């Protein structure tokens, strides 16, 4: 038996294959699933950017473009502050400020400074709110729509009652528990007298506000004299002394010159206000619909709320009352 020793470097590929070790290595690499994934991803990424080129003024862009309209708006803002027409240098300064602001904004966003910032969140929420208002303002109602809406909401446009009256005041501080009785005695003395008679004014005490009121509304009288006085006042008959009526200050004898019971105005009288009310109503409806749609995409987790958890809360010294919180 004869043995033949063949050095490794003398080995060759089987006849007819024509493959070297390098070729076999490349074939193995080309069959790797990871390579296929990277190639497909690169293709999709390139296709997306071809179909959706980056806008010059997007947050991630390094290009800032100002149009002529942008520059005009800067000039208008300048004039709105009561200044004269800006010079070319002043306009250049405004443009520089605008560009600086845009650069700082983009850099801040790239650093994530907009995250977890309550001021930024509130401003963005307000801008979303304004979008709903803009949509509502774009809708121009027809007269028929306004008339239908007014028929359903006419009470909100009702004109309040008005009363013109005079009064004699009897102080609880001065007369104590006898103030009501003193006023009742005075009523008998002036029952048939005109409110302009000199002896009438001499009977009452000096009042800190007015003795004569013209076109007073129930709300105004409630704030000044109290709810009970206001209710009693608008039930009185004009042209005679009546009372005593109690207020937060004491007792009063009242002479009513005139009372206008109030009314609901006609559509024609308040049409501009009706249009504004209709738009406000549309705004609320659009906002609610949009908010409900957005809420449907979120899962909200809130811990149980107990009032006792907040009874010992204290505002830290030096804390700014910067935020306005409302429960809606």
C-alpha atoms as a PDB file:
ATOM      1  CA  UNK A   1       0.000   0.000   0.000  1.00  0.00           C
ATOM      2  CA  UNK A   2       1.281   3.422  -0.898  1.00  0.00           C
ATOM      3  CA  UNK A   3       0.403   6.512   1.098  1.00  0.00           C
ATOM      4  CA  UNK A   4       0.369   9.983  -0.468  1.00  0.00           C
ATOM      5  CA  UNK A   5       0.638  12.999   1.864  1.00  0.00           C
ATOM      6  CA  UNK A   6      -0.855  16.209   0.449  1.00  0.00           C
ATOM      7  CA  UNK A   7      -0.032  19.533   2.037  1.00  0.00           C
ATOM      8  CA  UNK A   8      -3.103  21.607   3.062  1.00  0.00           C
ATOM      9  CA  UNK A   9      -2.136  24.537   0.902  1.00  0.00           C
ATOM     10  CA  UNK A  10      -2.113  22.197  -2.094  1.00  0.00           C
ATOM     11  CA  UNK A  11      -5.764  21.273  -1.625  1.00  0.00           C
ATOM     12  CA  UNK A  12      -8.119  22.552  -4.279  1.00  0.00           C
ATOM     13  CA  UNK A  13     -11.886  22.693  -4.628  1.00  0.00           C
ATOM     14  CA  UNK A  14     -13.533  19.749  -6.233  1.00  0.00           C
ATOM     15  CA  UNK A  15     -13.376  19.791  -9.950  1.00  0.00           C
ATOM     16  CA  UNK A  16     -16.230  21.717 -11.527  1.00  0.00           C
ATOM     17  CA  UNK A  17     -17.301  23.798  -8.498  1.00  0.00           C
ATOM     18  CA  UNK A  18     -15.020  26.816  -9.097  1.00  0.00           C
ATOM     19  CA  UNK A  19     -15.614  28.035  -5.482  1.00  0.00           C
ATOM     20  CA  UNK A  20     -12.898  29.384  -3.259  1.00  0.00           C
ATOM     21  CA  UNK A  21     -13.097  29.695   0.537  1.00  0.00           C
ATOM     22  CA  UNK A  22     -13.865  33.430   0.144  1.00  0.00           C
ATOM     23  CA  UNK A  23     -16.794  32.729  -2.140  1.00  0.00           C
ATOM     24  CA  UNK A  24     -18.268  30.300   0.372  1.00  0.00           C
ATOM     25  CA  UNK A  25     -17.880  32.910   3.159  1.00  0.00           C
ATOM     26  CA  UNK A  26     -19.763  35.560   1.152  1.00  0.00           C
ATOM     27  CA  UNK A  27     -22.549  33.081   0.402  1.00  0.00           C
ATOM     28  CA  UNK A  28     -22.963  32.409   4.120  1.00  0.00           C
ATOM     29  CA  UNK A  29     -23.122  36.167   4.831  1.00  0.00           C
ATOM     30  CA  UNK A  30     -25.704  36.752   2.098  1.00  0.00           C
ATOM     31  CA  UNK A  31     -27.927  34.068   3.597  1.00  0.00           C
ATOM     32  CA  UNK A  32     -27.955  35.749   7.050  1.00  0.00           C
ATOM     33  CA  UNK A  33     -31.575  36.825   8.033  1.00  0.00           C
ATOM     34  CA  UNK A  34     -30.172  39.873   9.874  1.00  0.00           C
ATOM     35  CA  UNK A  35     -28.697  41.187   6.626  1.00  0.00           C
ATOM     36  CA  UNK A  36     -32.031  40.740   4.857  1.00  0.00           C
ATOM     37  CA  UNK A  37     -33.783  42.681   7.665  1.00  0.00           C
ATOM     38  CA  UNK A  38     -31.292  45.550   7.440  1.00  0.00           C
ATOM     39  CA  UNK A  39     -31.647  45.744   3.649  1.00  0.00           C
ATOM     40  CA  UNK A  40     -35.452  45.834   3.803  1.00  0.00           C
ATOM     41  CA  UNK A  41     -35.362  48.450   6.579  1.00  0.00           C
ATOM     42  CA  UNK A  42     -32.967  50.630   4.630  1.00  0.00           C
ATOM     43  CA  UNK A  43     -35.226  50.383   1.594  1.00  0.00           C
ATOM     44  CA  UNK A  44     -38.326  51.371   3.533  1.00  0.00           C
ATOM     45  CA  UNK A  45     -36.490  54.251   5.245  1.00  0.00           C
ATOM     46  CA  UNK A  46     -35.258  55.591   1.911  1.00  0.00           C
ATOM     47  CA  UNK A  47     -38.689  55.250   0.292  1.00  0.00           C
ATOM     48  CA  UNK A  48     -40.351  57.107   3.183  1.00  0.00           C
ATOM     49  CA  UNK A  49     -37.982  60.052   2.922  1.00  0.00           C
ATOM     50  CA  UNK A  50     -38.416  60.193  -0.846  1.00  0.00           C
ATOM     51  CA  UNK A  51     -42.188  60.366  -0.452  1.00  0.00           C
ATOM     52  CA  UNK A  52     -42.070  62.573   2.672  1.00  0.00           C
ATOM     53  CA  UNK A  53     -39.201  65.011   2.345  1.00  0.00           C
ATOM     54  CA  UNK A  54     -38.390  66.886   5.546  1.00  0.00           C
ATOM     55  CA  UNK A  55     -40.094  70.261   5.728  1.00  0.00           C
ATOM     56  CA  UNK A  56     -37.685  73.186   6.085  1.00  0.00           C
ATOM     57  CA  UNK A  57     -39.327  74.476   9.252  1.00  0.00           C
ATOM     58  CA  UNK A  58     -39.966  71.143  10.978  1.00  0.00           C
ATOM     59  CA  UNK A  59     -38.515  70.731  14.468  1.00  0.00           C
ATOM     60  CA  UNK A  60     -35.799  68.332  13.320  1.00  0.00           C
ATOM     61  CA  UNK A  61     -34.769  70.364  10.281  1.00  0.00           C
ATOM     62  CA  UNK A  62     -31.631  72.487  10.137  1.00  0.00           C
ATOM     63  CA  UNK A  63     -33.238  74.879   7.657  1.00  0.00           C
ATOM     64  CA  UNK A  64     -35.247  77.935   8.718  1.00  0.00           C
ATOM     65  CA  UNK A  65     -37.348  79.611   6.048  1.00  0.00           C
ATOM     66  CA  UNK A  66     -39.119  82.948   6.535  1.00  0.00           C
ATOM     67  CA  UNK A  67     -41.512  84.093   3.814  1.00  0.00           C
ATOM     68  CA  UNK A  68     -42.453  87.653   2.941  1.00  0.00           C
ATOM     69  CA  UNK A  69     -45.706  87.143   4.829  1.00  0.00           C
ATOM     70  CA  UNK A  70     -43.726  86.097   7.909  1.00  0.00           C
ATOM     71  CA  UNK A  71     -41.669  89.280   7.735  1.00  0.00           C
ATOM     72  CA  UNK A  72     -44.834  91.358   7.231  1.00  0.00           C
ATOM     73  CA  UNK A  73     -46.341  89.793  10.349  1.00  0.00           C
ATOM     74  CA  UNK A  74     -43.250  90.795  12.308  1.00  0.00           C
ATOM     75  CA  UNK A  75     -43.672  94.364  11.068  1.00  0.00           C
ATOM     76  CA  UNK A  76     -47.384  94.326  11.926  1.00  0.00           C
ATOM     77  CA  UNK A  77     -46.583  93.172  15.463  1.00  0.00           C
ATOM     78  CA  UNK A  78     -44.110  96.051  15.692  1.00  0.00           C
ATOM     79  CA  UNK A  79     -46.779  98.562  14.600  1.00  0.00           C
ATOM     80  CA  UNK A  80     -49.349  97.026  16.972  1.00  0.00           C
ATOM     81  CA  UNK A  81     -47.194  98.227  19.877  1.00  0.00           C
ATOM     82  CA  UNK A  82     -47.863 101.832  18.892  1.00  0.00           C
ATOM     83  CA  UNK A  83     -44.556 102.340  17.083  1.00  0.00           C
ATOM     84  CA  UNK A  84     -43.880 104.021  13.760  1.00  0.00           C
ATOM     85  CA  UNK A  85     -43.127 102.094  10.557  1.00  0.00           C
ATOM     86  CA  UNK A  86     -39.933 100.058  11.157  1.00  0.00           C
ATOM     87  CA  UNK A  87     -36.752 100.862   9.268  1.00  0.00           C
ATOM     88  CA  UNK A  88     -34.861  98.238   7.240  1.00  0.00           C
ATOM     89  CA  UNK A  89     -32.398  97.771  10.106  1.00  0.00           C
ATOM     90  CA  UNK A  90     -35.222  97.368  12.592  1.00  0.00           C
ATOM     91  CA  UNK A  91     -36.890  94.747  10.389  1.00  0.00           C
ATOM     92  CA  UNK A  92     -33.562  92.914  10.157  1.00  0.00           C
ATOM     93  CA  UNK A  93     -33.412  92.998  13.945  1.00  0.00           C
ATOM     94  CA  UNK A  94     -36.947  91.551  14.182  1.00  0.00           C
ATOM     95  CA  UNK A  95     -35.997  88.793  11.742  1.00  0.00           C
ATOM     96  CA  UNK A  96     -32.873  88.028  13.766  1.00  0.00           C
ATOM     97  CA  UNK A  97     -34.967  87.753  16.938  1.00  0.00           C
ATOM     98  CA  UNK A  98     -37.409  85.443  15.176  1.00  0.00           C
ATOM     99  CA  UNK A  99     -34.616  83.201  13.880  1.00  0.00           C
ATOM    100  CA  UNK A 100     -32.963  83.123  17.290  1.00  0.00           C
ATOM    101  CA  UNK A 101     -36.245  82.153  18.909  1.00  0.00           C
ATOM    102  CA  UNK A 102     -36.754  79.353  16.363  1.00  0.00           C
ATOM    103  CA  UNK A 103     -33.223  78.019  16.856  1.00  0.00           C
ATOM    104  CA  UNK A 104     -33.570  78.040  20.641  1.00  0.00           C
ATOM    105  CA  UNK A 105     -36.945  76.321  20.367  1.00  0.00           C
ATOM    106  CA  UNK A 106     -35.619  73.517  18.149  1.00  0.00           C
ATOM    107  CA  UNK A 107     -32.552  72.999  20.292  1.00  0.00           C
ATOM    108  CA  UNK A 108     -34.692  72.892  23.432  1.00  0.00           C
ATOM    109  CA  UNK A 109     -36.984  70.267  21.859  1.00  0.00           C
ATOM    110  CA  UNK A 110     -33.980  68.225  20.712  1.00  0.00           C
ATOM    111  CA  UNK A 111     -32.715  68.234  24.311  1.00  0.00           C
ATOM    112  CA  UNK A 112     -36.116  67.152  25.584  1.00  0.00           C
ATOM    113  CA  UNK A 113     -36.657  70.341  27.594  1.00  0.00           C
ATOM    114  CA  UNK A 114     -40.310  70.391  26.529  1.00  0.00           C
ATOM    115  CA  UNK A 115     -41.022  67.160  28.373  1.00  0.00           C
ATOM    116  CA  UNK A 116     -42.615  67.199  31.829  1.00  0.00           C
ATOM    117  CA  UNK A 117     -42.861  70.995  31.719  1.00  0.00           C
ATOM    118  CA  UNK A 118     -46.253  72.156  33.029  1.00  0.00           C
ATOM    119  CA  UNK A 119     -46.027  75.553  31.320  1.00  0.00           C
ATOM    120  CA  UNK A 120     -45.347  73.941  27.924  1.00  0.00           C
ATOM    121  CA  UNK A 121     -48.136  71.410  28.464  1.00  0.00           C
ATOM    122  CA  UNK A 122     -50.595  74.152  29.349  1.00  0.00           C
ATOM    123  CA  UNK A 123     -49.648  76.273  26.331  1.00  0.00           C
ATOM    124  CA  UNK A 124     -49.964  73.321  23.940  1.00  0.00           C
ATOM    125  CA  UNK A 125     -53.326  72.383  25.458  1.00  0.00           C
ATOM    126  CA  UNK A 126     -54.461  75.985  24.910  1.00  0.00           C
ATOM    127  CA  UNK A 127     -53.354  75.828  21.272  1.00  0.00           C
ATOM    128  CA  UNK A 128     -55.411  72.660  20.789  1.00  0.00           C
ATOM    129  CA  UNK A 129     -58.308  74.514  22.383  1.00  0.00           C
ATOM    130  CA  UNK A 130     -57.828  77.405  19.944  1.00  0.00           C
ATOM    131  CA  UNK A 131     -57.949  74.953  17.022  1.00  0.00           C
ATOM    132  CA  UNK A 132     -61.466  73.936  18.057  1.00  0.00           C
ATOM    133  CA  UNK A 133     -62.447  77.617  18.272  1.00  0.00           C
ATOM    134  CA  UNK A 134     -61.058  78.240  14.770  1.00  0.00           C
ATOM    135  CA  UNK A 135     -63.113  75.359  13.370  1.00  0.00           C
ATOM    136  CA  UNK A 136     -66.249  76.739  15.026  1.00  0.00           C
ATOM    137  CA  UNK A 137     -65.607  80.234  13.631  1.00  0.00           C
ATOM    138  CA  UNK A 138     -65.231  78.827  10.113  1.00  0.00           C
ATOM    139  CA  UNK A 139     -68.883  77.775  10.131  1.00  0.00           C
ATOM    140  CA  UNK A 140     -71.186  80.614   9.096  1.00  0.00           C
ATOM    141  CA  UNK A 141     -74.734  79.922  10.318  1.00  0.00           C
ATOM    142  CA  UNK A 142     -77.818  80.640   8.242  1.00  0.00           C
ATOM    143  CA  UNK A 143     -80.573  82.873   9.558  1.00  0.00           C
ATOM    144  CA  UNK A 144     -82.819  79.823   9.908  1.00  0.00           C
ATOM    145  CA  UNK A 145     -80.211  78.055  12.039  1.00  0.00           C
ATOM    146  CA  UNK A 146     -79.867  81.103  14.277  1.00  0.00           C
ATOM    147  CA  UNK A 147     -83.628  81.476  14.666  1.00  0.00           C
ATOM    148  CA  UNK A 148     -83.988  77.802  15.611  1.00  0.00           C
ATOM    149  CA  UNK A 149     -81.121  78.058  18.082  1.00  0.00           C
ATOM    150  CA  UNK A 150     -82.545  81.287  19.570  1.00  0.00           C
ATOM    151  CA  UNK A 151     -85.943  79.683  20.105  1.00  0.00           C
ATOM    152  CA  UNK A 152     -84.217  77.033  22.221  1.00  0.00           C
ATOM    153  CA  UNK A 153     -82.000  79.480  24.143  1.00  0.00           C
ATOM    154  CA  UNK A 154     -84.033  82.699  24.287  1.00  0.00           C
ATOM    155  CA  UNK A 155     -84.130  82.797  28.098  1.00  0.00           C
ATOM    156  CA  UNK A 156     -80.371  83.364  28.220  1.00  0.00           C
ATOM    157  CA  UNK A 157     -80.975  86.658  26.360  1.00  0.00           C
ATOM    158  CA  UNK A 158     -83.822  87.818  28.613  1.00  0.00           C
ATOM    159  CA  UNK A 159     -83.605  91.451  29.677  1.00  0.00           C
ATOM    160  CA  UNK A 160     -83.741  91.750  33.503  1.00  0.00           C
ATOM    161  CA  UNK A 161     -86.367  93.670  35.406  1.00  0.00           C
ATOM    162  CA  UNK A 162     -85.562  97.266  36.381  1.00  0.00           C
ATOM    163  CA  UNK A 163     -86.852  99.323  39.273  1.00  0.00           C
ATOM    164  CA  UNK A 164     -86.663 103.048  39.993  1.00  0.00           C
ATOM    165  CA  UNK A 165     -87.344 103.724  43.682  1.00  0.00           C
ATOM    166  CA  UNK A 166     -86.598 105.787  46.784  1.00  0.00           C
ATOM    167  CA  UNK A 167     -86.341 104.592  50.354  1.00  0.00           C
ATOM    168  CA  UNK A 168     -86.211 105.740  53.957  1.00  0.00           C
ATOM    169  CA  UNK A 169     -83.650 103.920  56.072  1.00  0.00           C
ATOM    170  CA  UNK A 170     -83.980 102.954  59.748  1.00  0.00           C
ATOM    171  CA  UNK A 171     -80.705 101.789  61.222  1.00  0.00           C
ATOM    172  CA  UNK A 172     -80.574  98.619  63.297  1.00  0.00           C
ATOM    173  CA  UNK A 173     -77.468 100.000  65.009  1.00  0.00           C
ATOM    174  CA  UNK A 174     -79.271 103.169  66.057  1.00  0.00           C
ATOM    175  CA  UNK A 175     -82.689 101.763  66.966  1.00  0.00           C
ATOM    176  CA  UNK A 176     -81.673  98.240  67.939  1.00  0.00           C
ATOM    177  CA  UNK A 177     -84.604  95.842  68.167  1.00  0.00           C
ATOM    178  CA  UNK A 178     -87.059  98.755  67.749  1.00  0.00           C
ATOM    179  CA  UNK A 179     -85.915  99.587  64.191  1.00  0.00           C
ATOM    180  CA  UNK A 180     -88.790  97.710  62.534  1.00  0.00           C
ATOM    181  CA  UNK A 181     -91.396  99.216  64.863  1.00  0.00           C
ATOM    182  CA  UNK A 182     -89.958 102.710  64.321  1.00  0.00           C
ATOM    183  CA  UNK A 183     -90.234 102.225  60.562  1.00  0.00           C
ATOM    184  CA  UNK A 184     -93.846 101.011  60.904  1.00  0.00           C
ATOM    185  CA  UNK A 185     -94.784 104.159  62.863  1.00  0.00           C
ATOM    186  CA  UNK A 186     -93.104 106.350  60.240  1.00  0.00           C
ATOM    187  CA  UNK A 187     -95.081 104.596  57.490  1.00  0.00           C
ATOM    188  CA  UNK A 188     -98.344 105.741  59.070  1.00  0.00           C
ATOM    189  CA  UNK A 189     -97.091 109.315  59.185  1.00  0.00           C
ATOM    190  CA  UNK A 190     -96.061 109.460  55.499  1.00  0.00           C
ATOM    191  CA  UNK A 191     -98.604 107.089  53.937  1.00  0.00           C
ATOM    192  CA  UNK A 192    -100.379 109.903  52.070  1.00  0.00           C
ATOM    193  CA  UNK A 193     -97.360 112.123  51.473  1.00  0.00           C
ATOM    194  CA  UNK A 194     -95.218 112.592  48.387  1.00  0.00           C
ATOM    195  CA  UNK A 195     -91.634 111.278  48.545  1.00  0.00           C
ATOM    196  CA  UNK A 196     -90.492 114.817  47.720  1.00  0.00           C
ATOM    197  CA  UNK A 197     -92.112 116.303  50.853  1.00  0.00           C
ATOM    198  CA  UNK A 198     -89.545 117.814  53.242  1.00  0.00           C
ATOM    199  CA  UNK A 199     -91.023 116.156  56.309  1.00  0.00           C
ATOM    200  CA  UNK A 200     -90.569 112.698  54.753  1.00  0.00           C
ATOM    201  CA  UNK A 201     -86.774 112.744  54.485  1.00  0.00           C
ATOM    202  CA  UNK A 202     -86.507 114.033  58.061  1.00  0.00           C
ATOM    203  CA  UNK A 203     -87.926 110.786  59.445  1.00  0.00           C
ATOM    204  CA  UNK A 204     -85.252 108.373  58.213  1.00  0.00           C
ATOM    205  CA  UNK A 205     -81.611 107.835  59.165  1.00  0.00           C
ATOM    206  CA  UNK A 206     -78.660 108.655  56.941  1.00  0.00           C
ATOM    207  CA  UNK A 207     -77.867 105.789  54.583  1.00  0.00           C
ATOM    208  CA  UNK A 208     -74.276 105.043  53.523  1.00  0.00           C
ATOM    209  CA  UNK A 209     -75.214 104.604  49.869  1.00  0.00           C
ATOM    210  CA  UNK A 210     -78.008 106.143  47.801  1.00  0.00           C
ATOM    211  CA  UNK A 211     -81.488 107.221  48.801  1.00  0.00           C
ATOM    212  CA  UNK A 212     -82.696 107.131  45.185  1.00  0.00           C
ATOM    213  CA  UNK A 213     -82.019 104.338  42.679  1.00  0.00           C
ATOM    214  CA  UNK A 214     -82.788 104.407  38.967  1.00  0.00           C
ATOM    215  CA  UNK A 215     -83.038 101.344  36.680  1.00  0.00           C
ATOM    216  CA  UNK A 216     -81.778  98.994  39.378  1.00  0.00           C
ATOM    217  CA  UNK A 217     -81.753  95.287  38.488  1.00  0.00           C
ATOM    218  CA  UNK A 218     -82.502  92.374  40.841  1.00  0.00           C
ATOM    219  CA  UNK A 219     -78.852  91.299  40.778  1.00  0.00           C
ATOM    220  CA  UNK A 220     -77.651  94.782  41.699  1.00  0.00           C
ATOM    221  CA  UNK A 221     -80.100  95.025  44.574  1.00  0.00           C
ATOM    222  CA  UNK A 222     -79.223  91.538  45.807  1.00  0.00           C
ATOM    223  CA  UNK A 223     -75.564  92.512  45.996  1.00  0.00           C
ATOM    224  CA  UNK A 224     -76.266  95.841  47.710  1.00  0.00           C
ATOM    225  CA  UNK A 225     -79.212  95.079  50.011  1.00  0.00           C
ATOM    226  CA  UNK A 226     -79.486  91.287  50.070  1.00  0.00           C
ATOM    227  CA  UNK A 227     -81.565  88.694  48.221  1.00  0.00           C
ATOM    228  CA  UNK A 228     -84.671  89.021  50.415  1.00  0.00           C
ATOM    229  CA  UNK A 229     -84.831  92.790  49.985  1.00  0.00           C
ATOM    230  CA  UNK A 230     -84.444  92.442  46.213  1.00  0.00           C
ATOM    231  CA  UNK A 231     -87.246  89.884  45.965  1.00  0.00           C
ATOM    232  CA  UNK A 232     -89.583  92.037  48.050  1.00  0.00           C
ATOM    233  CA  UNK A 233     -88.724  95.200  46.101  1.00  0.00           C
ATOM    234  CA  UNK A 234     -89.799  93.796  42.719  1.00  0.00           C
ATOM    235  CA  UNK A 235     -93.167  92.731  44.143  1.00  0.00           C
ATOM    236  CA  UNK A 236     -94.129  96.262  45.233  1.00  0.00           C
ATOM    237  CA  UNK A 237     -96.681  98.451  43.492  1.00  0.00           C
ATOM    238  CA  UNK A 238     -95.532 101.842  42.130  1.00  0.00           C
ATOM    239  CA  UNK A 239     -96.831 105.154  43.509  1.00  0.00           C
ATOM    240  CA  UNK A 240     -97.116 104.439  47.246  1.00  0.00           C
ATOM    241  CA  UNK A 241     -95.062 103.924  50.383  1.00  0.00           C
ATOM    242  CA  UNK A 242     -94.637 100.313  51.410  1.00  0.00           C
ATOM    243  CA  UNK A 243     -92.715  98.381  54.016  1.00  0.00           C
ATOM    244  CA  UNK A 244     -90.971  97.965  56.314  1.00  0.00           C
ATOM    245  CA  UNK A 245     -88.617  95.762  54.312  1.00  0.00           C
ATOM    246  CA  UNK A 246     -85.503  94.349  55.931  1.00  0.00           C
ATOM    247  CA  UNK A 247     -82.033  94.464  54.396  1.00  0.00           C
ATOM    248  CA  UNK A 248     -78.589  93.629  55.680  1.00  0.00           C
ATOM    249  CA  UNK A 249     -78.361  97.142  57.124  1.00  0.00           C
ATOM    250  CA  UNK A 250     -81.706  97.548  58.872  1.00  0.00           C
ATOM    251  CA  UNK A 251     -85.274  98.361  57.764  1.00  0.00           C
ATOM    252  CA  UNK A 252     -86.591 100.427  54.856  1.00  0.00           C
ATOM    253  CA  UNK A 253     -89.759 102.161  53.718  1.00  0.00           C
ATOM    254  CA  UNK A 254     -89.849 102.091  49.913  1.00  0.00           C
ATOM    255  CA  UNK A 255     -91.560 104.261  47.289  1.00  0.00           C
ATOM    256  CA  UNK A 256     -91.417 102.715  43.829  1.00  0.00           C
ATOM    257  CA  UNK A 257     -91.570 105.181  40.939  1.00  0.00           C
ATOM    258  CA  UNK A 258     -91.614 102.520  38.206  1.00  0.00           C
ATOM    259  CA  UNK A 259     -90.908  98.847  37.621  1.00  0.00           C
ATOM    260  CA  UNK A 260     -90.089  97.275  34.274  1.00  0.00           C
ATOM    261  CA  UNK A 261     -90.767  93.552  34.687  1.00  0.00           C
ATOM    262  CA  UNK A 262     -88.187  92.535  32.081  1.00  0.00           C
ATOM    263  CA  UNK A 263     -88.794  90.652  28.841  1.00  0.00           C
ATOM    264  CA  UNK A 264     -87.338  88.354  26.223  1.00  0.00           C
ATOM    265  CA  UNK A 265     -86.163  90.462  23.247  1.00  0.00           C
ATOM    266  CA  UNK A 266     -87.104  89.655  19.676  1.00  0.00           C
ATOM    267  CA  UNK A 267     -84.638  87.798  17.471  1.00  0.00           C
ATOM    268  CA  UNK A 268     -83.996  90.936  15.384  1.00  0.00           C
ATOM    269  CA  UNK A 269     -82.997  92.920  18.493  1.00  0.00           C
ATOM    270  CA  UNK A 270     -80.225  90.550  19.485  1.00  0.00           C
ATOM    271  CA  UNK A 271     -79.256  88.803  16.230  1.00  0.00           C
ATOM    272  CA  UNK A 272     -75.504  89.683  16.484  1.00  0.00           C
ATOM    273  CA  UNK A 273     -75.431  88.313  20.031  1.00  0.00           C
ATOM    274  CA  UNK A 274     -77.333  85.227  18.917  1.00  0.00           C
ATOM    275  CA  UNK A 275     -74.702  84.561  16.240  1.00  0.00           C
ATOM    276  CA  UNK A 276     -71.932  84.868  18.836  1.00  0.00           C
ATOM    277  CA  UNK A 277     -73.825  82.532  21.149  1.00  0.00           C
ATOM    278  CA  UNK A 278     -74.363  79.995  18.353  1.00  0.00           C
ATOM    279  CA  UNK A 279     -70.651  80.002  17.505  1.00  0.00           C
ATOM    280  CA  UNK A 280     -69.761  79.555  21.188  1.00  0.00           C
ATOM    281  CA  UNK A 281     -72.184  76.638  21.380  1.00  0.00           C
ATOM    282  CA  UNK A 282     -70.643  75.065  18.271  1.00  0.00           C
ATOM    283  CA  UNK A 283     -67.182  75.561  19.727  1.00  0.00           C
ATOM    284  CA  UNK A 284     -68.124  73.701  22.905  1.00  0.00           C
ATOM    285  CA  UNK A 285     -69.685  70.855  20.896  1.00  0.00           C
ATOM    286  CA  UNK A 286     -66.669  70.541  18.572  1.00  0.00           C
ATOM    287  CA  UNK A 287     -64.265  70.669  21.494  1.00  0.00           C
ATOM    288  CA  UNK A 288     -66.204  68.005  23.402  1.00  0.00           C
ATOM    289  CA  UNK A 289     -66.392  65.713  20.353  1.00  0.00           C
ATOM    290  CA  UNK A 290     -62.681  66.105  19.617  1.00  0.00           C
ATOM    291  CA  UNK A 291     -61.724  65.593  23.250  1.00  0.00           C
ATOM    292  CA  UNK A 292     -63.859  62.468  23.555  1.00  0.00           C
ATOM    293  CA  UNK A 293     -62.270  61.087  20.383  1.00  0.00           C
ATOM    294  CA  UNK A 294     -58.767  61.780  21.712  1.00  0.00           C
ATOM    295  CA  UNK A 295     -59.644  60.339  25.130  1.00  0.00           C
ATOM    296  CA  UNK A 296     -60.761  57.095  23.472  1.00  0.00           C
ATOM    297  CA  UNK A 297     -57.149  56.412  22.487  1.00  0.00           C
ATOM    298  CA  UNK A 298     -55.855  56.653  26.051  1.00  0.00           C
ATOM    299  CA  UNK A 299     -56.056  54.460  29.102  1.00  0.00           C
ATOM    300  CA  UNK A 300     -56.179  56.594  32.251  1.00  0.00           C
ATOM    301  CA  UNK A 301     -55.199  55.216  35.634  1.00  0.00           C
ATOM    302  CA  UNK A 302     -56.054  57.339  38.687  1.00  0.00           C
ATOM    303  CA  UNK A 303     -55.615  56.323  42.331  1.00  0.00           C
ATOM    304  CA  UNK A 304     -58.607  56.428  44.709  1.00  0.00           C
ATOM    305  CA  UNK A 305     -59.277  60.020  45.752  1.00  0.00           C
ATOM    306  CA  UNK A 306     -59.952  60.692  49.421  1.00  0.00           C
ATOM    307  CA  UNK A 307     -60.507  64.228  50.724  1.00  0.00           C
ATOM    308  CA  UNK A 308     -58.667  63.293  53.897  1.00  0.00           C
ATOM    309  CA  UNK A 309     -55.480  62.909  51.854  1.00  0.00           C
ATOM    310  CA  UNK A 310     -55.412  66.659  51.222  1.00  0.00           C
ATOM    311  CA  UNK A 311     -56.448  68.084  54.586  1.00  0.00           C
ATOM    312  CA  UNK A 312     -52.877  68.563  55.789  1.00  0.00           C
ATOM    313  CA  UNK A 313     -51.535  70.078  52.574  1.00  0.00           C
ATOM    314  CA  UNK A 314     -49.645  73.356  52.848  1.00  0.00           C
ATOM    315  CA  UNK A 315     -48.246  75.618  50.154  1.00  0.00           C
ATOM    316  CA  UNK A 316     -44.443  75.812  50.545  1.00  0.00           C
ATOM    317  CA  UNK A 317     -43.141  79.339  51.320  1.00  0.00           C
ATOM    318  CA  UNK A 318     -42.164  81.243  48.196  1.00  0.00           C
ATOM    319  CA  UNK A 319     -44.266  79.087  45.876  1.00  0.00           C
ATOM    320  CA  UNK A 320     -45.675  81.118  42.984  1.00  0.00           C
ATOM    321  CA  UNK A 321     -49.403  80.828  42.352  1.00  0.00           C
ATOM    322  CA  UNK A 322     -48.668  80.397  38.661  1.00  0.00           C
ATOM    323  CA  UNK A 323     -51.207  77.819  37.605  1.00  0.00           C
ATOM    324  CA  UNK A 324     -54.941  78.084  37.462  1.00  0.00           C
ATOM    325  CA  UNK A 325     -56.560  74.697  38.077  1.00  0.00           C
ATOM    326  CA  UNK A 326     -60.187  73.994  37.299  1.00  0.00           C
ATOM    327  CA  UNK A 327     -62.226  70.814  37.646  1.00  0.00           C
ATOM    328  CA  UNK A 328     -64.317  70.202  34.578  1.00  0.00           C
END
